[in-house]
């Protein structure tokens, strides 16, 4: 995964950004709930759990319990621990995930900070019990947000005339944008299949233009043809 320096320095900004964009946060949480496979009751691991914000909301509002996490940034992990999670410091590429011990592994917004998707998904495949699931949720490069983020990354700033009238108020902070490697949904699906997974379904949210995405909570829907946040649920045989 990407070096954690930016996330250590801006750990509190991460929560503050979502605090300022509560409708967007709720839309993304509802996507996780919508894509969550039925009957998961065993070990769930969140890779790149950040501050544990999403996991805390899933537990509080939806009865979905995710107590274990992997997170490379100490600043993020400290906040997640305060929220009751057990967090191991490490990256998706190197942290111990175990062998055949988890029922579901979640990558929520973290695969954009992984360059070798197939390698990481192979590690997740080995860490799951037979029949276990991986849930990958992220911003696709081909989406409205994805295109804007790629442009901001190339320019190194949001303060450029090209963004006049089109930069969303809820634009991700530039340190997080610059740290990312933005993948398409097709690339994530291909990497999952190459790692031995069978994709069962996709789902999406944030289907409005990014300028308007934070205005009102959006209910998720199946597919991945329009969403700026897309979930891919895949199963290990």
Protein backbone atom coordinates (compact mmCIF):
# COMPACT_ATOMS: atom_id res chain seq x y z
CA UNK A 1 0.00 0.00 0.00
CA UNK A 2 0.95 3.67 -0.30
CA UNK A 3 3.34 5.04 2.30
CA UNK A 4 1.29 6.09 5.36
CA UNK A 5 2.93 9.47 5.96
CA UNK A 6 0.06 11.54 4.54
CA UNK A 7 -2.48 9.56 6.51
CA UNK A 8 -0.53 9.95 9.77
CA UNK A 9 -0.36 13.72 9.26
CA UNK A 10 -4.01 14.09 8.23
CA UNK A 11 -5.72 11.37 10.30
CA UNK A 12 -8.06 13.85 12.00
CA UNK A 13 -8.75 15.56 8.67
CA UNK A 14 -10.06 12.23 7.32
CA UNK A 15 -12.83 12.08 9.92
CA UNK A 16 -13.43 15.82 9.66
CA UNK A 17 -13.97 15.54 5.90
CA UNK A 18 -16.64 12.89 6.37
CA UNK A 19 -18.12 14.90 9.23
CA UNK A 20 -18.61 17.78 6.79
CA UNK A 21 -20.13 15.44 4.19
CA UNK A 22 -22.52 13.34 6.21
CA UNK A 23 -24.96 12.58 3.39
CA UNK A 24 -22.11 11.29 1.25
CA UNK A 25 -20.85 9.19 4.17
CA UNK A 26 -24.31 7.73 4.73
CA UNK A 27 -24.67 6.91 1.02
CA UNK A 28 -21.39 5.00 1.12
CA UNK A 29 -22.33 3.16 4.32
CA UNK A 30 -25.63 2.09 2.75
CA UNK A 31 -23.70 0.70 -0.21
CA UNK A 32 -21.66 -1.49 2.14
CA UNK A 33 -24.82 -2.76 3.81
CA UNK A 34 -26.48 -3.40 0.44
CA UNK A 35 -23.53 -5.42 -0.85
CA UNK A 36 -22.87 -7.30 2.40
CA UNK A 37 -23.43 -11.05 1.90
CA UNK A 38 -26.10 -12.74 3.98
CA UNK A 39 -25.13 -15.05 6.81
CA UNK A 40 -21.68 -13.68 7.64
CA UNK A 41 -21.21 -14.28 11.35
CA UNK A 42 -17.57 -15.26 11.78
CA UNK A 43 -14.30 -13.39 11.46
CA UNK A 44 -14.36 -10.18 9.41
CA UNK A 45 -11.17 -8.29 8.60
CA UNK A 46 -11.01 -4.73 7.26
CA UNK A 47 -7.84 -4.10 5.26
CA UNK A 48 -6.94 -0.42 5.29
CA UNK A 49 -9.50 0.30 8.00
CA UNK A 50 -8.33 3.88 8.48
CA UNK A 51 -9.87 5.44 11.58
CA UNK A 52 -12.52 2.73 11.88
CA UNK A 53 -15.24 5.26 11.08
CA UNK A 54 -17.18 3.05 8.68
CA UNK A 55 -16.81 0.01 10.91
CA UNK A 56 -18.17 1.95 13.90
CA UNK A 57 -21.22 3.08 11.91
CA UNK A 58 -21.84 -0.43 10.56
CA UNK A 59 -21.82 -1.78 14.11
CA UNK A 60 -23.92 1.02 15.61
CA UNK A 61 -26.58 1.39 12.92
CA UNK A 62 -26.68 -1.97 11.13
CA UNK A 63 -25.47 -4.65 13.54
CA UNK A 64 -22.54 -5.54 11.23
CA UNK A 65 -19.52 -6.23 13.42
CA UNK A 66 -16.00 -5.70 12.09
CA UNK A 67 -13.56 -5.83 14.99
CA UNK A 68 -10.24 -6.58 13.27
CA UNK A 69 -8.30 -4.28 10.97
CA UNK A 70 -5.06 -3.79 9.12
CA UNK A 71 -3.83 -0.20 8.78
CA UNK A 72 -0.39 1.16 7.82
CA UNK A 73 -0.80 4.61 9.42
CA UNK A 74 -0.30 4.77 13.17
CA UNK A 75 -2.35 7.95 13.43
CA UNK A 76 -5.34 6.31 11.76
CA UNK A 77 -4.97 3.07 13.73
CA UNK A 78 -4.93 4.92 17.04
CA UNK A 79 -8.36 6.39 16.33
CA UNK A 80 -9.70 3.01 15.16
CA UNK A 81 -8.50 1.44 18.42
CA UNK A 82 -10.33 4.14 20.38
CA UNK A 83 -13.44 2.97 18.52
CA UNK A 84 -12.95 -0.58 19.77
CA UNK A 85 -11.14 -2.23 16.88
CA UNK A 86 -8.11 -4.50 17.14
CA UNK A 87 -5.71 -3.09 14.57
CA UNK A 88 -2.42 -4.50 13.31
CA UNK A 89 -0.02 -1.98 11.80
CA UNK A 90 0.98 -3.05 8.32
CA UNK A 91 0.17 -2.94 4.63
CA UNK A 92 -2.10 -5.12 2.52
CA UNK A 93 1.02 -6.44 0.80
CA UNK A 94 2.92 -7.45 3.94
CA UNK A 95 0.72 -7.60 7.06
CA UNK A 96 -0.13 -11.07 8.39
CA UNK A 97 -3.65 -11.92 7.21
CA UNK A 98 -3.65 -15.54 8.39
CA UNK A 99 -4.42 -18.70 6.42
CA UNK A 100 -8.03 -19.81 5.98
CA UNK A 101 -9.23 -17.95 9.07
CA UNK A 102 -11.63 -15.22 7.88
CA UNK A 103 -15.20 -15.35 6.59
CA UNK A 104 -15.09 -11.95 4.94
CA UNK A 105 -12.32 -9.51 4.08
CA UNK A 106 -13.30 -5.92 3.31
CA UNK A 107 -11.34 -3.37 1.31
CA UNK A 108 -13.33 -0.16 1.73
CA UNK A 109 -11.66 2.68 -0.13
CA UNK A 110 -8.26 1.07 0.32
CA UNK A 111 -7.55 -0.58 -3.03
CA UNK A 112 -6.82 2.84 -4.51
CA UNK A 113 -3.70 2.71 -2.35
CA UNK A 114 -2.62 -0.71 -3.65
CA UNK A 115 -0.58 -0.98 -6.85
CA UNK A 116 -0.45 -4.79 -7.12
CA UNK A 117 -4.14 -5.64 -6.91
CA UNK A 118 -3.77 -9.27 -7.99
CA UNK A 119 -1.03 -9.95 -5.46
CA UNK A 120 -3.05 -8.49 -2.60
CA UNK A 121 -6.20 -10.35 -3.66
CA UNK A 122 -4.23 -13.61 -3.76
CA UNK A 123 -3.23 -12.97 -0.14
CA UNK A 124 -6.88 -12.31 0.72
CA UNK A 125 -7.93 -15.51 -1.06
CA UNK A 126 -5.49 -17.54 1.05
CA UNK A 127 -6.69 -15.84 4.24
CA UNK A 128 -10.36 -16.72 3.66
CA UNK A 129 -12.11 -19.92 4.60
CA UNK A 130 -13.62 -21.87 1.67
CA UNK A 131 -16.85 -20.10 0.72
CA UNK A 132 -15.62 -16.85 2.24
CA UNK A 133 -16.13 -13.48 0.58
CA UNK A 134 -14.10 -10.43 -0.29
CA UNK A 135 -15.89 -7.09 -0.53
CA UNK A 136 -14.03 -4.44 -2.52
CA UNK A 137 -15.54 -0.95 -2.47
CA UNK A 138 -13.86 2.05 -4.03
CA UNK A 139 -13.91 4.99 -6.44
CA UNK A 140 -13.49 3.73 -10.04
CA UNK A 141 -11.02 5.62 -12.21
CA UNK A 142 -13.66 5.91 -14.95
CA UNK A 143 -16.20 7.60 -12.67
CA UNK A 144 -16.83 11.32 -12.32
CA UNK A 145 -14.87 11.56 -9.08
CA UNK A 146 -12.17 9.28 -10.49
CA UNK A 147 -11.56 11.45 -13.54
CA UNK A 148 -11.44 14.60 -11.41
CA UNK A 149 -9.04 12.96 -8.96
CA UNK A 150 -6.73 11.82 -11.76
CA UNK A 151 -6.70 15.37 -13.14
CA UNK A 152 -6.06 16.91 -9.70
CA UNK A 153 -3.26 14.41 -9.17
CA UNK A 154 -1.68 15.33 -12.51
CA UNK A 155 -1.93 19.06 -11.74
CA UNK A 156 -0.92 18.61 -8.10
CA UNK A 157 -3.64 20.92 -6.82
CA UNK A 158 -7.34 21.68 -6.73
CA UNK A 159 -6.51 25.40 -7.15
CA UNK A 160 -6.39 25.46 -10.94
CA UNK A 161 -8.72 27.33 -13.33
CA UNK A 162 -9.75 24.07 -15.02
CA UNK A 163 -11.72 23.16 -11.88
CA UNK A 164 -13.77 26.38 -11.84
CA UNK A 165 -17.43 25.41 -11.54
CA UNK A 166 -16.76 21.65 -11.63
CA UNK A 167 -14.71 20.97 -8.49
CA UNK A 168 -17.04 19.39 -5.93
CA UNK A 169 -17.22 20.97 -2.51
CA UNK A 170 -16.68 17.45 -1.19
CA UNK A 171 -13.44 16.93 -3.12
CA UNK A 172 -11.04 14.57 -1.37
CA UNK A 173 -8.09 16.41 0.26
CA UNK A 174 -5.19 16.69 -2.16
CA UNK A 175 -2.70 14.68 0.00
CA UNK A 176 -5.01 11.65 -0.23
CA UNK A 177 -5.56 12.19 -3.95
CA UNK A 178 -1.82 12.37 -4.66
CA UNK A 179 -1.15 9.21 -2.66
CA UNK A 180 -3.60 7.08 -4.66
CA UNK A 181 -3.39 4.78 -7.66
CA UNK A 182 -6.83 4.95 -9.24
CA UNK A 183 -8.06 1.66 -10.75
CA UNK A 184 -11.07 0.99 -12.98
CA UNK A 185 -13.78 -1.41 -11.89
CA UNK A 186 -12.75 -3.69 -14.77
CA UNK A 187 -9.20 -3.79 -13.39
CA UNK A 188 -10.45 -4.71 -9.93
CA UNK A 189 -12.71 -7.45 -11.32
CA UNK A 190 -9.91 -8.86 -13.49
CA UNK A 191 -7.52 -8.93 -10.54
CA UNK A 192 -10.09 -10.70 -8.35
CA UNK A 193 -10.72 -13.34 -11.00
CA UNK A 194 -6.99 -13.83 -11.60
CA UNK A 195 -6.59 -14.39 -7.85
CA UNK A 196 -9.14 -17.21 -7.93
CA UNK A 197 -12.32 -15.42 -6.89
CA UNK A 198 -15.74 -15.64 -8.52
CA UNK A 199 -17.46 -12.27 -8.72
CA UNK A 200 -21.05 -12.59 -7.49
CA UNK A 201 -22.39 -9.06 -7.83
CA UNK A 202 -21.62 -5.39 -8.13
CA UNK A 203 -23.47 -2.42 -6.67
CA UNK A 204 -23.09 1.35 -6.77
CA UNK A 205 -23.95 4.69 -5.26
CA UNK A 206 -23.15 8.40 -5.84
CA UNK A 207 -24.62 8.35 -9.33
CA UNK A 208 -25.14 12.12 -9.52
CA UNK A 209 -22.46 14.50 -10.80
CA UNK A 210 -19.76 14.98 -8.11
CA UNK A 211 -20.82 18.61 -7.66
CA UNK A 212 -24.21 17.39 -6.44
CA UNK A 213 -23.24 14.06 -4.85
CA UNK A 214 -23.13 15.36 -1.26
CA UNK A 215 -26.66 16.79 -1.45
CA UNK A 216 -28.97 14.16 -0.01
CA UNK A 217 -28.53 10.51 0.88
CA UNK A 218 -28.66 8.15 -2.11
CA UNK A 219 -29.94 4.60 -1.96
CA UNK A 220 -27.58 2.05 -3.56
CA UNK A 221 -28.49 0.01 -6.59
CA UNK A 222 -27.04 -2.99 -8.39
CA UNK A 223 -24.54 -2.69 -11.21
CA UNK A 224 -21.51 -0.50 -11.80
CA UNK A 225 -22.41 1.57 -14.86
CA UNK A 226 -22.98 4.95 -13.21
CA UNK A 227 -21.70 5.05 -9.63
CA UNK A 228 -18.77 7.06 -8.30
CA UNK A 229 -18.51 4.48 -5.49
CA UNK A 230 -18.72 0.84 -6.55
CA UNK A 231 -18.81 -2.39 -4.56
CA UNK A 232 -17.63 -5.73 -5.93
CA UNK A 233 -18.56 -8.84 -3.96
CA UNK A 234 -16.57 -11.96 -4.80
CA UNK A 235 -16.46 -15.48 -3.33
CA UNK A 236 -13.73 -17.98 -2.71
CA UNK A 237 -14.70 -21.50 -3.82
